[in-house]
Amino acid sequence: MRLVVGLGNPGARYARNRHNIGFLTADVVARRYGFAGFRDRFKGEIAEGTIGDSRVLLLKPQTFMNDSGESVLAAMSFYKIPPGEVLVIHDELDLKPGKVRVKRGGGSAGHNGLRSIDALVGPDYWRLRIGIGHPGVRELVLPYVLQNFPSDEAEGWVAPVIDAVAEAFPLLVAGDPPAFMSEVARRFTPPEPAAEA
């Protein structure tokens, strides 16, 4: 069994925030593969389904981002899932908008959700990083990630990249990150940065 965790903050106020691209992706994956509805469990919302030949649990921690590890640890412990079978989907400031990368292990790069998970389960899990770009100044990071995606971004690249990720997801679940990345790249081209005025 694989545990796929979409990171975000709970509640309507945060639903369309940049920081919630993990939640948005989890929702699209659940719909695409006909998962049963999300139910409250493990300090989060969890849904179960099958992708390819694999049984998959989708988890959206409801602890707020900074305590995401509590929900992840609870689900891992109950189902006895090792870190190598866990995939965390999160926003990535250090990648250009719409860039997608997969890696196992590494640091938190200042991401409080990852920091919380690292502290409770260690860093040896998989990360699906979806680029949201950087505001350019460190002091602007918090307001930036807690802003909604502008409508031109939401329609222009956010929805299309999430659709590409969801469509290619069976390759990731099957343990083939390179094929997954190739398929996402085939289906979606990140936007070019706006030219400086």
C-alpha atoms as a PDB file:
ATOM      1  CA  MET A   1       0.000   0.000   0.000  1.00  0.00           C
ATOM      2  CA  ARG A   2       1.143   3.522  -0.736  1.00  0.00           C
ATOM      3  CA  LEU A   3       0.327   6.635   1.263  1.00  0.00           C
ATOM      4  CA  VAL A   4       0.012   9.795  -0.829  1.00  0.00           C
ATOM      5  CA  VAL A   5      -0.142  13.001   1.210  1.00  0.00           C
ATOM      6  CA  GLY A   6      -1.301  16.310  -0.224  1.00  0.00           C
ATOM      7  CA  LEU A   7      -0.183  19.241   1.912  1.00  0.00           C
ATOM      8  CA  GLY A   8      -2.259  22.343   2.573  1.00  0.00           C
ATOM      9  CA  ASN A   9      -4.213  24.271   5.178  1.00  0.00           C
ATOM     10  CA  PRO A  10      -7.821  23.321   5.995  1.00  0.00           C
ATOM     11  CA  GLY A  11     -10.844  25.558   5.492  1.00  0.00           C
ATOM     12  CA  ALA A  12     -12.405  27.632   2.730  1.00  0.00           C
ATOM     13  CA  ARG A  13     -10.180  30.620   3.516  1.00  0.00           C
ATOM     14  CA  TYR A  14      -7.085  28.739   2.311  1.00  0.00           C
ATOM     15  CA  ALA A  15      -8.615  26.490  -0.345  1.00  0.00           C
ATOM     16  CA  ARG A  16      -7.182  28.274  -3.423  1.00  0.00           C
ATOM     17  CA  ASN A  17      -3.886  29.396  -1.831  1.00  0.00           C
ATOM     18  CA  ARG A  18      -0.541  28.661  -3.470  1.00  0.00           C
ATOM     19  CA  HIS A  19       0.385  26.711  -0.325  1.00  0.00           C
ATOM     20  CA  ASN A  20      -2.554  24.357  -0.982  1.00  0.00           C
ATOM     21  CA  ILE A  21      -1.468  22.918  -4.322  1.00  0.00           C
ATOM     22  CA  GLY A  22      -0.971  19.573  -2.531  1.00  0.00           C
ATOM     23  CA  PHE A  23      -4.631  19.509  -1.461  1.00  0.00           C
ATOM     24  CA  LEU A  24      -5.740  20.565  -4.953  1.00  0.00           C
ATOM     25  CA  THR A  25      -3.702  17.767  -6.532  1.00  0.00           C
ATOM     26  CA  ALA A  26      -4.987  15.139  -4.079  1.00  0.00           C
ATOM     27  CA  ASP A  27      -8.574  16.127  -4.914  1.00  0.00           C
ATOM     28  CA  VAL A  28      -7.997  15.786  -8.669  1.00  0.00           C
ATOM     29  CA  VAL A  29      -6.250  12.408  -8.253  1.00  0.00           C
ATOM     30  CA  ALA A  30      -9.148  11.164  -6.091  1.00  0.00           C
ATOM     31  CA  ARG A  31     -11.702  12.190  -8.735  1.00  0.00           C
ATOM     32  CA  ARG A  32      -9.671  10.876 -11.663  1.00  0.00           C
ATOM     33  CA  TYR A  33      -9.349   7.380 -10.181  1.00  0.00           C
ATOM     34  CA  GLY A  34     -12.783   7.115  -8.578  1.00  0.00           C
ATOM     35  CA  PHE A  35     -11.675   7.039  -4.945  1.00  0.00           C
ATOM     36  CA  ALA A  36     -14.299   6.706  -2.238  1.00  0.00           C
ATOM     37  CA  GLY A  37     -15.100  10.047  -0.583  1.00  0.00           C
ATOM     38  CA  PHE A  38     -12.716  11.554   1.935  1.00  0.00           C
ATOM     39  CA  ARG A  39     -13.528  10.776   5.564  1.00  0.00           C
ATOM     40  CA  ASP A  40     -12.168  12.196   8.820  1.00  0.00           C
ATOM     41  CA  ARG A  41      -9.372  10.101  10.276  1.00  0.00           C
ATOM     42  CA  PHE A  42      -5.781  10.459  11.520  1.00  0.00           C
ATOM     43  CA  LYS A  43      -6.162  14.211  12.148  1.00  0.00           C
ATOM     44  CA  GLY A  44      -6.882  14.512   8.454  1.00  0.00           C
ATOM     45  CA  GLU A  45      -9.159  13.537   5.605  1.00  0.00           C
ATOM     46  CA  ILE A  46      -8.401  10.188   4.006  1.00  0.00           C
ATOM     47  CA  ALA A  47      -9.682   8.401   0.907  1.00  0.00           C
ATOM     48  CA  GLU A  48      -8.854   4.960  -0.412  1.00  0.00           C
ATOM     49  CA  GLY A  49      -8.714   3.657  -3.954  1.00  0.00           C
ATOM     50  CA  THR A  50      -6.731   1.822  -6.587  1.00  0.00           C
ATOM     51  CA  ILE A  51      -4.345   3.323  -9.132  1.00  0.00           C
ATOM     52  CA  GLY A  52      -3.005   0.802 -11.621  1.00  0.00           C
ATOM     53  CA  ASP A  53      -2.323  -2.337  -9.598  1.00  0.00           C
ATOM     54  CA  SER A  54      -1.696  -0.489  -6.318  1.00  0.00           C
ATOM     55  CA  ARG A  55      -3.915   0.208  -3.344  1.00  0.00           C
ATOM     56  CA  VAL A  56      -3.446   3.877  -2.470  1.00  0.00           C
ATOM     57  CA  LEU A  57      -4.423   5.976   0.526  1.00  0.00           C
ATOM     58  CA  LEU A  58      -4.801   9.711  -0.108  1.00  0.00           C
ATOM     59  CA  LEU A  59      -4.362  11.880   2.982  1.00  0.00           C
ATOM     60  CA  LYS A  60      -4.992  15.601   3.450  1.00  0.00           C
ATOM     61  CA  PRO A  61      -3.782  16.574   6.955  1.00  0.00           C
ATOM     62  CA  GLN A  62      -6.220  18.928   8.700  1.00  0.00           C
ATOM     63  CA  THR A  63      -3.750  20.048  11.380  1.00  0.00           C
ATOM     64  CA  PHE A  64      -2.632  23.177   9.503  1.00  0.00           C
ATOM     65  CA  MET A  65       0.608  23.024   7.595  1.00  0.00           C
ATOM     66  CA  ASN A  66       3.014  23.391  10.532  1.00  0.00           C
ATOM     67  CA  ASP A  67       1.756  20.189  12.200  1.00  0.00           C
ATOM     68  CA  SER A  68       1.264  18.021   9.092  1.00  0.00           C
ATOM     69  CA  GLY A  69       3.603  15.368  10.483  1.00  0.00           C
ATOM     70  CA  GLU A  70       1.122  14.438  13.228  1.00  0.00           C
ATOM     71  CA  SER A  71      -1.434  13.296  10.652  1.00  0.00           C
ATOM     72  CA  VAL A  72       1.155  11.565   8.457  1.00  0.00           C
ATOM     73  CA  LEU A  73       2.677   9.677  11.407  1.00  0.00           C
ATOM     74  CA  ALA A  74      -0.773   8.546  12.611  1.00  0.00           C
ATOM     75  CA  ALA A  75      -1.683   7.093   9.198  1.00  0.00           C
ATOM     76  CA  MET A  76       1.749   5.495   8.691  1.00  0.00           C
ATOM     77  CA  SER A  77       1.645   3.903  12.143  1.00  0.00           C
ATOM     78  CA  PHE A  78      -1.874   2.505  11.766  1.00  0.00           C
ATOM     79  CA  TYR A  79      -1.228   0.951   8.351  1.00  0.00           C
ATOM     80  CA  LYS A  80       2.442   0.109   9.076  1.00  0.00           C
ATOM     81  CA  ILE A  81       3.583   1.988   5.976  1.00  0.00           C
ATOM     82  CA  PRO A  82       7.356   2.592   5.753  1.00  0.00           C
ATOM     83  CA  PRO A  83       8.697   6.010   4.681  1.00  0.00           C
ATOM     84  CA  GLY A  84       9.755   4.642   1.283  1.00  0.00           C
ATOM     85  CA  GLU A  85       6.068   4.016   0.466  1.00  0.00           C
ATOM     86  CA  VAL A  86       5.040   7.584   1.336  1.00  0.00           C
ATOM     87  CA  LEU A  87       4.743  10.348  -1.277  1.00  0.00           C
ATOM     88  CA  VAL A  88       4.175  13.950  -0.159  1.00  0.00           C
ATOM     89  CA  ILE A  89       2.809  16.463  -2.691  1.00  0.00           C
ATOM     90  CA  HIS A  90       3.738  20.051  -1.890  1.00  0.00           C
ATOM     91  CA  ASP A  91       4.333  23.538  -3.247  1.00  0.00           C
ATOM     92  CA  GLU A  92       7.940  24.433  -4.049  1.00  0.00           C
ATOM     93  CA  LEU A  93       9.138  28.042  -4.003  1.00  0.00           C
ATOM     94  CA  ASP A  94      12.482  27.168  -5.587  1.00  0.00           C
ATOM     95  CA  LEU A  95      10.928  25.806  -8.778  1.00  0.00           C
ATOM     96  CA  LYS A  96       9.423  27.964 -11.524  1.00  0.00           C
ATOM     97  CA  PRO A  97       5.611  27.916 -11.707  1.00  0.00           C
ATOM     98  CA  GLY A  98       4.406  24.617 -13.125  1.00  0.00           C
ATOM     99  CA  LYS A  99       7.765  22.811 -12.902  1.00  0.00           C
ATOM    100  CA  VAL A 100       7.388  19.326 -11.427  1.00  0.00           C
ATOM    101  CA  ARG A 101      10.131  17.322  -9.749  1.00  0.00           C
ATOM    102  CA  VAL A 102      10.196  14.041  -7.827  1.00  0.00           C
ATOM    103  CA  LYS A 103      12.862  13.034  -5.331  1.00  0.00           C
ATOM    104  CA  ARG A 104      13.322  10.852  -2.287  1.00  0.00           C
ATOM    105  CA  GLY A 105      14.713  12.365   0.895  1.00  0.00           C
ATOM    106  CA  GLY A 106      16.398  15.726   1.253  1.00  0.00           C
ATOM    107  CA  GLY A 107      15.851  18.762   3.415  1.00  0.00           C
ATOM    108  CA  SER A 108      12.723  20.794   4.043  1.00  0.00           C
ATOM    109  CA  ALA A 109      14.037  23.944   2.286  1.00  0.00           C
ATOM    110  CA  GLY A 110      12.110  26.046   4.791  1.00  0.00           C
ATOM    111  CA  HIS A 111       8.777  24.332   4.050  1.00  0.00           C
ATOM    112  CA  ASN A 112       6.999  24.006   7.406  1.00  0.00           C
ATOM    113  CA  GLY A 113       4.896  21.023   6.332  1.00  0.00           C
ATOM    114  CA  LEU A 114       7.993  19.062   5.329  1.00  0.00           C
ATOM    115  CA  ARG A 115       9.806  20.194   8.466  1.00  0.00           C
ATOM    116  CA  SER A 116       6.999  18.778  10.605  1.00  0.00           C
ATOM    117  CA  ILE A 117       7.000  15.455   8.722  1.00  0.00           C
ATOM    118  CA  ASP A 118      10.810  15.218   8.881  1.00  0.00           C
ATOM    119  CA  ALA A 119      10.718  15.772  12.651  1.00  0.00           C
ATOM    120  CA  LEU A 120       8.265  12.921  13.243  1.00  0.00           C
ATOM    121  CA  VAL A 121       8.997  10.307  10.577  1.00  0.00           C
ATOM    122  CA  GLY A 122      12.431  11.270   9.230  1.00  0.00           C
ATOM    123  CA  PRO A 123      13.269  12.577   5.748  1.00  0.00           C
ATOM    124  CA  ASP A 124      13.356   9.288   3.814  1.00  0.00           C
ATOM    125  CA  TYR A 125      10.030   9.652   1.971  1.00  0.00           C
ATOM    126  CA  TRP A 126       9.237  10.675  -1.596  1.00  0.00           C
ATOM    127  CA  ARG A 127       8.379  14.274  -2.475  1.00  0.00           C
ATOM    128  CA  LEU A 128       6.412  15.466  -5.487  1.00  0.00           C
ATOM    129  CA  ARG A 129       7.381  19.115  -5.755  1.00  0.00           C
ATOM    130  CA  ILE A 130       5.180  21.453  -7.807  1.00  0.00           C
ATOM    131  CA  GLY A 131       6.773  24.806  -8.485  1.00  0.00           C
ATOM    132  CA  ILE A 132       4.888  27.969  -7.546  1.00  0.00           C
ATOM    133  CA  GLY A 133       7.771  30.405  -8.084  1.00  0.00           C
ATOM    134  CA  HIS A 134       9.309  32.767  -5.543  1.00  0.00           C
ATOM    135  CA  PRO A 135       8.182  36.323  -4.780  1.00  0.00           C
ATOM    136  CA  GLY A 136      11.842  37.407  -4.943  1.00  0.00           C
ATOM    137  CA  VAL A 137      12.205  38.669  -1.374  1.00  0.00           C
ATOM    138  CA  ARG A 138      12.290  36.432   1.693  1.00  0.00           C
ATOM    139  CA  GLU A 139      10.022  38.756   3.686  1.00  0.00           C
ATOM    140  CA  LEU A 140       7.264  38.308   1.081  1.00  0.00           C
ATOM    141  CA  VAL A 141       7.252  34.489   1.170  1.00  0.00           C
ATOM    142  CA  LEU A 142       4.543  34.052   3.824  1.00  0.00           C
ATOM    143  CA  PRO A 143       1.983  36.420   2.278  1.00  0.00           C
ATOM    144  CA  TYR A 144       2.841  35.001  -1.164  1.00  0.00           C
ATOM    145  CA  VAL A 145       2.161  31.354  -0.290  1.00  0.00           C
ATOM    146  CA  LEU A 146      -1.037  32.305   1.567  1.00  0.00           C
ATOM    147  CA  GLN A 147      -2.441  34.223  -1.414  1.00  0.00           C
ATOM    148  CA  ASN A 148      -4.899  32.649  -3.827  1.00  0.00           C
ATOM    149  CA  PHE A 149      -3.618  31.811  -7.268  1.00  0.00           C
ATOM    150  CA  PRO A 150      -4.673  34.696  -9.563  1.00  0.00           C
ATOM    151  CA  SER A 151      -7.317  33.514 -12.045  1.00  0.00           C
ATOM    152  CA  ASP A 152      -4.918  33.729 -15.007  1.00  0.00           C
ATOM    153  CA  GLU A 153      -2.489  31.384 -13.213  1.00  0.00           C
ATOM    154  CA  ALA A 154      -5.232  29.078 -11.903  1.00  0.00           C
ATOM    155  CA  GLU A 155      -6.549  28.528 -15.429  1.00  0.00           C
ATOM    156  CA  GLY A 156      -3.314  29.079 -17.328  1.00  0.00           C
ATOM    157  CA  TRP A 157      -1.012  26.598 -15.590  1.00  0.00           C
ATOM    158  CA  VAL A 158      -2.267  25.371 -12.193  1.00  0.00           C
ATOM    159  CA  ALA A 159      -5.214  23.302 -13.460  1.00  0.00           C
ATOM    160  CA  PRO A 160      -3.298  21.991 -16.511  1.00  0.00           C
ATOM    161  CA  VAL A 161      -0.233  20.881 -14.518  1.00  0.00           C
ATOM    162  CA  ILE A 162      -2.398  19.168 -11.895  1.00  0.00           C
ATOM    163  CA  ASP A 163      -4.294  17.381 -14.685  1.00  0.00           C
ATOM    164  CA  ALA A 164      -0.995  16.244 -16.225  1.00  0.00           C
ATOM    165  CA  VAL A 165       0.255  15.015 -12.844  1.00  0.00           C
ATOM    166  CA  ALA A 166      -2.991  13.115 -12.214  1.00  0.00           C
ATOM    167  CA  GLU A 167      -2.966  11.554 -15.674  1.00  0.00           C
ATOM    168  CA  ALA A 168       0.634  10.345 -15.240  1.00  0.00           C
ATOM    169  CA  PHE A 169       0.155   9.261 -11.607  1.00  0.00           C
ATOM    170  CA  PRO A 170       0.016   5.481 -12.301  1.00  0.00           C
ATOM    171  CA  LEU A 171       3.670   5.636 -13.390  1.00  0.00           C
ATOM    172  CA  LEU A 172       4.653   7.251 -10.092  1.00  0.00           C
ATOM    173  CA  VAL A 173       2.654   4.763  -8.025  1.00  0.00           C
ATOM    174  CA  ALA A 174       4.274   1.936 -10.005  1.00  0.00           C
ATOM    175  CA  GLY A 175       7.698   3.181  -8.871  1.00  0.00           C
ATOM    176  CA  ASP A 176       8.927   4.809 -12.083  1.00  0.00           C
ATOM    177  CA  PRO A 177       9.581   8.511 -11.331  1.00  0.00           C
ATOM    178  CA  PRO A 178      11.569   9.117 -14.562  1.00  0.00           C
ATOM    179  CA  ALA A 179       8.702   7.830 -16.727  1.00  0.00           C
ATOM    180  CA  PHE A 180       6.259   9.894 -14.652  1.00  0.00           C
ATOM    181  CA  MET A 181       8.327  13.062 -15.166  1.00  0.00           C
ATOM    182  CA  SER A 182       8.576  12.391 -18.909  1.00  0.00           C
ATOM    183  CA  GLU A 183       4.837  11.902 -19.192  1.00  0.00           C
ATOM    184  CA  VAL A 184       4.072  15.090 -17.242  1.00  0.00           C
ATOM    185  CA  ALA A 185       6.498  16.993 -19.498  1.00  0.00           C
ATOM    186  CA  ARG A 186       4.822  15.521 -22.582  1.00  0.00           C
ATOM    187  CA  ARG A 187       1.396  16.637 -21.380  1.00  0.00           C
ATOM    188  CA  PHE A 188       2.273  20.050 -19.944  1.00  0.00           C
ATOM    189  CA  THR A 189       4.733  22.832 -20.725  1.00  0.00           C
ATOM    190  CA  PRO A 190       5.332  25.339 -17.890  1.00  0.00           C
ATOM    191  CA  PRO A 191       4.659  28.976 -18.802  1.00  0.00           C
ATOM    192  CA  GLU A 192       7.526  31.202 -19.803  1.00  0.00           C
ATOM    193  CA  PRO A 193       8.323  33.842 -17.157  1.00  0.00           C
ATOM    194  CA  ALA A 194       6.831  37.247 -17.933  1.00  0.00           C
ATOM    195  CA  ALA A 195       9.339  39.590 -19.544  1.00  0.00           C
ATOM    196  CA  GLU A 196      10.627  42.391 -17.351  1.00  0.00           C
ATOM    197  CA  ALA A 197       9.052  45.742 -18.277  1.00  0.00           C
END
